[in-house]
Amino acid sequence: MQAMQFEQSVISILKRDNRFDPHAYFFLKDALDFTLKRIAESNGGEQRHVTGPELLAGYRDYALEQFGPMAATLMTEWSIRKCQDVGDMVFLLIEEQVFGKQDSDKKEDFSEAFDFQASLEEPFLPKKRRPTSAGKSTAGLRAIS
């Protein structure tokens, strides 16, 4: 789809549903391309239909790749706070006939497949100290030389 057509479709969506920032739709389109490429690479170069959970994982991974520690903040700015928000955008684009849909595709495919916000924050949190096998923490212990 040409950029102008996609832009017009986003404008049309925003006239009836302005929950999400316009940038979120353009990012979703790029995340779909990212996901399709990843699937093709793991499928001997052949493309196939992307499932809801696959698109969610691709969306998350692409956000982390593009925005790093700022991904969670940016998604919040765009009003994307949970998996269902991505699904809602997908189905708005399907209504505009921008994205295709199979009969088996449904909004529920995007229903909280994982904790969206946490998936964008956790990779950047410090690792917690883990207890040793005896159940005692090694925090505060140091090697004596």
C-alpha atoms as a PDB file:
ATOM      1  CA  MET A   1       0.000   0.000   0.000  1.00  0.00           C
ATOM      2  CA  GLN A   2       1.276   3.399  -0.869  1.00  0.00           C
ATOM      3  CA  ALA A   3       2.141   5.812   1.929  1.00  0.00           C
ATOM      4  CA  MET A   4      -0.560   8.327   0.958  1.00  0.00           C
ATOM      5  CA  GLN A   5      -3.255   5.644   0.922  1.00  0.00           C
ATOM      6  CA  PHE A   6      -2.179   4.399   4.330  1.00  0.00           C
ATOM      7  CA  GLU A   7      -2.132   7.952   5.671  1.00  0.00           C
ATOM      8  CA  GLN A   8      -5.641   8.558   4.341  1.00  0.00           C
ATOM      9  CA  SER A   9      -6.831   5.351   5.993  1.00  0.00           C
ATOM     10  CA  VAL A  10      -5.362   6.454   9.326  1.00  0.00           C
ATOM     11  CA  ILE A  11      -7.059   9.845   8.991  1.00  0.00           C
ATOM     12  CA  SER A  12     -10.346   8.089   8.304  1.00  0.00           C
ATOM     13  CA  ILE A  13      -9.906   5.893  11.395  1.00  0.00           C
ATOM     14  CA  LEU A  14      -9.053   8.874  13.587  1.00  0.00           C
ATOM     15  CA  LYS A  15     -12.273  10.620  12.572  1.00  0.00           C
ATOM     16  CA  ARG A  16     -14.330   7.833  14.154  1.00  0.00           C
ATOM     17  CA  ASP A  17     -11.920   6.501  16.793  1.00  0.00           C
ATOM     18  CA  ASN A  18      -9.146   8.685  18.162  1.00  0.00           C
ATOM     19  CA  ARG A  19      -7.976   6.469  21.044  1.00  0.00           C
ATOM     20  CA  PHE A  20      -4.533   5.923  19.551  1.00  0.00           C
ATOM     21  CA  ASP A  21      -1.921   8.354  18.307  1.00  0.00           C
ATOM     22  CA  PRO A  22      -1.513   8.342  14.502  1.00  0.00           C
ATOM     23  CA  HIS A  23       2.140   7.338  14.930  1.00  0.00           C
ATOM     24  CA  ALA A  24       0.990   4.088  16.528  1.00  0.00           C
ATOM     25  CA  TYR A  25      -0.669   3.025  13.253  1.00  0.00           C
ATOM     26  CA  PHE A  26       2.441   3.747  11.213  1.00  0.00           C
ATOM     27  CA  PHE A  27       4.514   1.867  13.754  1.00  0.00           C
ATOM     28  CA  LEU A  28       2.063  -1.055  13.574  1.00  0.00           C
ATOM     29  CA  LYS A  29       2.499  -1.191   9.805  1.00  0.00           C
ATOM     30  CA  ASP A  30       6.294  -1.293  10.242  1.00  0.00           C
ATOM     31  CA  ALA A  31       5.982  -3.908  13.000  1.00  0.00           C
ATOM     32  CA  LEU A  32       3.886  -6.069  10.676  1.00  0.00           C
ATOM     33  CA  ASP A  33       6.594  -5.811   7.995  1.00  0.00           C
ATOM     34  CA  PHE A  34       9.204  -6.709  10.645  1.00  0.00           C
ATOM     35  CA  THR A  35       7.127  -9.726  11.713  1.00  0.00           C
ATOM     36  CA  LEU A  36       6.495 -10.888   8.138  1.00  0.00           C
ATOM     37  CA  LYS A  37      10.211 -10.713   7.405  1.00  0.00           C
ATOM     38  CA  ARG A  38      11.065 -12.663  10.542  1.00  0.00           C
ATOM     39  CA  ILE A  39       8.514 -15.354   9.711  1.00  0.00           C
ATOM     40  CA  ALA A  40       9.738 -15.610   6.125  1.00  0.00           C
ATOM     41  CA  GLU A  41      13.343 -15.975   7.317  1.00  0.00           C
ATOM     42  CA  SER A  42      12.367 -18.860   9.588  1.00  0.00           C
ATOM     43  CA  ASN A  43      10.094 -20.383   6.934  1.00  0.00           C
ATOM     44  CA  GLY A  44      12.562 -20.855   4.085  1.00  0.00           C
ATOM     45  CA  GLY A  45      11.768 -17.458   2.582  1.00  0.00           C
ATOM     46  CA  GLU A  46       8.045 -18.107   2.260  1.00  0.00           C
ATOM     47  CA  GLN A  47       5.588 -15.625   3.660  1.00  0.00           C
ATOM     48  CA  ARG A  48       2.376 -16.671   5.316  1.00  0.00           C
ATOM     49  CA  HIS A  49      -0.454 -15.145   7.289  1.00  0.00           C
ATOM     50  CA  VAL A  50       0.587 -13.713  10.659  1.00  0.00           C
ATOM     51  CA  THR A  51      -1.417 -14.732  13.713  1.00  0.00           C
ATOM     52  CA  GLY A  52      -2.414 -12.297  16.435  1.00  0.00           C
ATOM     53  CA  PRO A  53       0.091 -13.643  18.976  1.00  0.00           C
ATOM     54  CA  GLU A  54       2.880 -13.560  16.359  1.00  0.00           C
ATOM     55  CA  LEU A  55       2.082  -9.950  15.510  1.00  0.00           C
ATOM     56  CA  LEU A  56       2.027  -9.030  19.203  1.00  0.00           C
ATOM     57  CA  ALA A  57       5.454 -10.584  19.704  1.00  0.00           C
ATOM     58  CA  GLY A  58       6.748  -8.828  16.592  1.00  0.00           C
ATOM     59  CA  TYR A  59       5.269  -5.519  17.717  1.00  0.00           C
ATOM     60  CA  ARG A  60       6.940  -5.875  21.127  1.00  0.00           C
ATOM     61  CA  ASP A  61      10.288  -6.968  19.684  1.00  0.00           C
ATOM     62  CA  TYR A  62      10.289  -4.227  17.065  1.00  0.00           C
ATOM     63  CA  ALA A  63       9.472  -1.606  19.721  1.00  0.00           C
ATOM     64  CA  LEU A  64      12.350  -2.840  21.869  1.00  0.00           C
ATOM     65  CA  GLU A  65      14.694  -2.829  18.873  1.00  0.00           C
ATOM     66  CA  GLN A  66      13.682   0.645  17.722  1.00  0.00           C
ATOM     67  CA  PHE A  67      13.212   2.458  21.027  1.00  0.00           C
ATOM     68  CA  GLY A  68      15.055   0.446  23.673  1.00  0.00           C
ATOM     69  CA  PRO A  69      14.349   1.620  27.225  1.00  0.00           C
ATOM     70  CA  MET A  70      12.000   4.324  25.913  1.00  0.00           C
ATOM     71  CA  ALA A  71       9.640   1.808  24.262  1.00  0.00           C
ATOM     72  CA  ALA A  72       7.265   1.559  27.236  1.00  0.00           C
ATOM     73  CA  THR A  73       7.102   5.336  27.634  1.00  0.00           C
ATOM     74  CA  LEU A  74       6.468   5.899  23.950  1.00  0.00           C
ATOM     75  CA  MET A  75       3.750   3.253  23.766  1.00  0.00           C
ATOM     76  CA  THR A  76       2.041   4.879  26.745  1.00  0.00           C
ATOM     77  CA  GLU A  77       2.236   8.233  24.959  1.00  0.00           C
ATOM     78  CA  TRP A  78       0.553   6.610  21.962  1.00  0.00           C
ATOM     79  CA  SER A  79      -2.108   5.050  24.277  1.00  0.00           C
ATOM     80  CA  ILE A  80      -0.877   1.504  23.634  1.00  0.00           C
ATOM     81  CA  ARG A  81      -0.918  -0.041  27.106  1.00  0.00           C
ATOM     82  CA  LYS A  82      -1.993  -3.632  26.554  1.00  0.00           C
ATOM     83  CA  CYS A  83      -2.081  -6.337  23.902  1.00  0.00           C
ATOM     84  CA  GLN A  84      -5.749  -5.645  23.185  1.00  0.00           C
ATOM     85  CA  ASP A  85      -4.859  -2.085  22.103  1.00  0.00           C
ATOM     86  CA  VAL A  86      -2.685  -3.502  19.315  1.00  0.00           C
ATOM     87  CA  GLY A  87      -5.552  -5.807  18.343  1.00  0.00           C
ATOM     88  CA  ASP A  88      -8.000  -2.903  18.285  1.00  0.00           C
ATOM     89  CA  MET A  89      -5.724  -1.017  15.892  1.00  0.00           C
ATOM     90  CA  VAL A  90      -5.360  -4.114  13.712  1.00  0.00           C
ATOM     91  CA  PHE A  91      -9.115  -4.490  13.423  1.00  0.00           C
ATOM     92  CA  LEU A  92      -9.598  -0.793  12.701  1.00  0.00           C
ATOM     93  CA  LEU A  93      -7.124  -1.206   9.828  1.00  0.00           C
ATOM     94  CA  ILE A  94      -8.991  -4.332   8.687  1.00  0.00           C
ATOM     95  CA  GLU A  95     -12.219  -2.291   8.605  1.00  0.00           C
ATOM     96  CA  GLU A  96     -10.411   0.190   6.364  1.00  0.00           C
ATOM     97  CA  GLN A  97      -9.330  -2.738   4.175  1.00  0.00           C
ATOM     98  CA  VAL A  98      -5.688  -1.904   4.802  1.00  0.00           C
ATOM     99  CA  PHE A  99      -4.890  -5.193   6.539  1.00  0.00           C
ATOM    100  CA  GLY A 100      -6.244  -8.538   5.428  1.00  0.00           C
ATOM    101  CA  LYS A 101      -8.111 -10.982   7.610  1.00  0.00           C
ATOM    102  CA  GLN A 102      -8.781 -14.693   7.572  1.00  0.00           C
ATOM    103  CA  ASP A 103     -12.075 -16.115   8.805  1.00  0.00           C
ATOM    104  CA  SER A 104     -10.274 -17.577  11.807  1.00  0.00           C
ATOM    105  CA  ASP A 105      -8.902 -14.167  12.892  1.00  0.00           C
ATOM    106  CA  LYS A 106     -10.692 -12.515  15.788  1.00  0.00           C
ATOM    107  CA  LYS A 107     -10.091  -9.702  18.254  1.00  0.00           C
ATOM    108  CA  GLU A 108      -9.738 -12.221  21.059  1.00  0.00           C
ATOM    109  CA  ASP A 109      -6.463 -13.359  19.439  1.00  0.00           C
ATOM    110  CA  PHE A 110      -4.978 -10.204  20.957  1.00  0.00           C
ATOM    111  CA  SER A 111      -6.508 -10.588  24.413  1.00  0.00           C
ATOM    112  CA  GLU A 112      -3.648 -10.226  26.833  1.00  0.00           C
ATOM    113  CA  ALA A 113      -1.294 -12.788  25.368  1.00  0.00           C
ATOM    114  CA  PHE A 114       1.255 -11.307  27.795  1.00  0.00           C
ATOM    115  CA  ASP A 115       1.676  -8.288  30.041  1.00  0.00           C
ATOM    116  CA  PHE A 116       2.405  -5.748  27.332  1.00  0.00           C
ATOM    117  CA  GLN A 117       3.753  -2.953  29.508  1.00  0.00           C
ATOM    118  CA  ALA A 118       5.928  -5.283  31.575  1.00  0.00           C
ATOM    119  CA  SER A 119       7.340  -6.876  28.413  1.00  0.00           C
ATOM    120  CA  LEU A 120       8.688  -3.476  27.382  1.00  0.00           C
ATOM    121  CA  GLU A 121      10.058  -2.596  30.829  1.00  0.00           C
ATOM    122  CA  GLU A 122      11.522  -5.855  32.147  1.00  0.00           C
ATOM    123  CA  PRO A 123      14.441  -6.155  29.695  1.00  0.00           C
ATOM    124  CA  PHE A 124      15.842  -2.937  31.171  1.00  0.00           C
ATOM    125  CA  LEU A 125      15.328  -3.624  34.862  1.00  0.00           C
ATOM    126  CA  PRO A 126      18.313  -4.738  36.939  1.00  0.00           C
ATOM    127  CA  LYS A 127      18.490  -8.464  37.528  1.00  0.00           C
ATOM    128  CA  LYS A 128      17.333  -9.379  41.015  1.00  0.00           C
ATOM    129  CA  ARG A 129      19.730 -11.140  43.347  1.00  0.00           C
ATOM    130  CA  ARG A 130      18.850 -14.787  43.416  1.00  0.00           C
ATOM    131  CA  PRO A 131      19.098 -16.955  46.493  1.00  0.00           C
ATOM    132  CA  THR A 132      21.647 -19.761  46.451  1.00  0.00           C
ATOM    133  CA  SER A 133      20.505 -23.359  46.330  1.00  0.00           C
ATOM    134  CA  ALA A 134      20.502 -23.404  50.148  1.00  0.00           C
ATOM    135  CA  GLY A 135      18.010 -20.560  50.078  1.00  0.00           C
ATOM    136  CA  LYS A 136      20.436 -17.973  51.420  1.00  0.00           C
ATOM    137  CA  SER A 137      21.156 -14.804  49.535  1.00  0.00           C
ATOM    138  CA  THR A 138      24.693 -14.220  48.336  1.00  0.00           C
ATOM    139  CA  ALA A 139      24.186 -10.471  48.613  1.00  0.00           C
ATOM    140  CA  GLY A 140      26.865  -8.926  50.789  1.00  0.00           C
ATOM    141  CA  LEU A 141      29.294 -11.846  50.382  1.00  0.00           C
ATOM    142  CA  ARG A 142      32.548 -11.154  48.691  1.00  0.00           C
ATOM    143  CA  ALA A 143      35.552 -13.180  47.781  1.00  0.00           C
ATOM    144  CA  ILE A 144      38.472 -13.028  50.161  1.00  0.00           C
ATOM    145  CA  SER A 145      41.820 -12.917  48.440  1.00  0.00           C
END
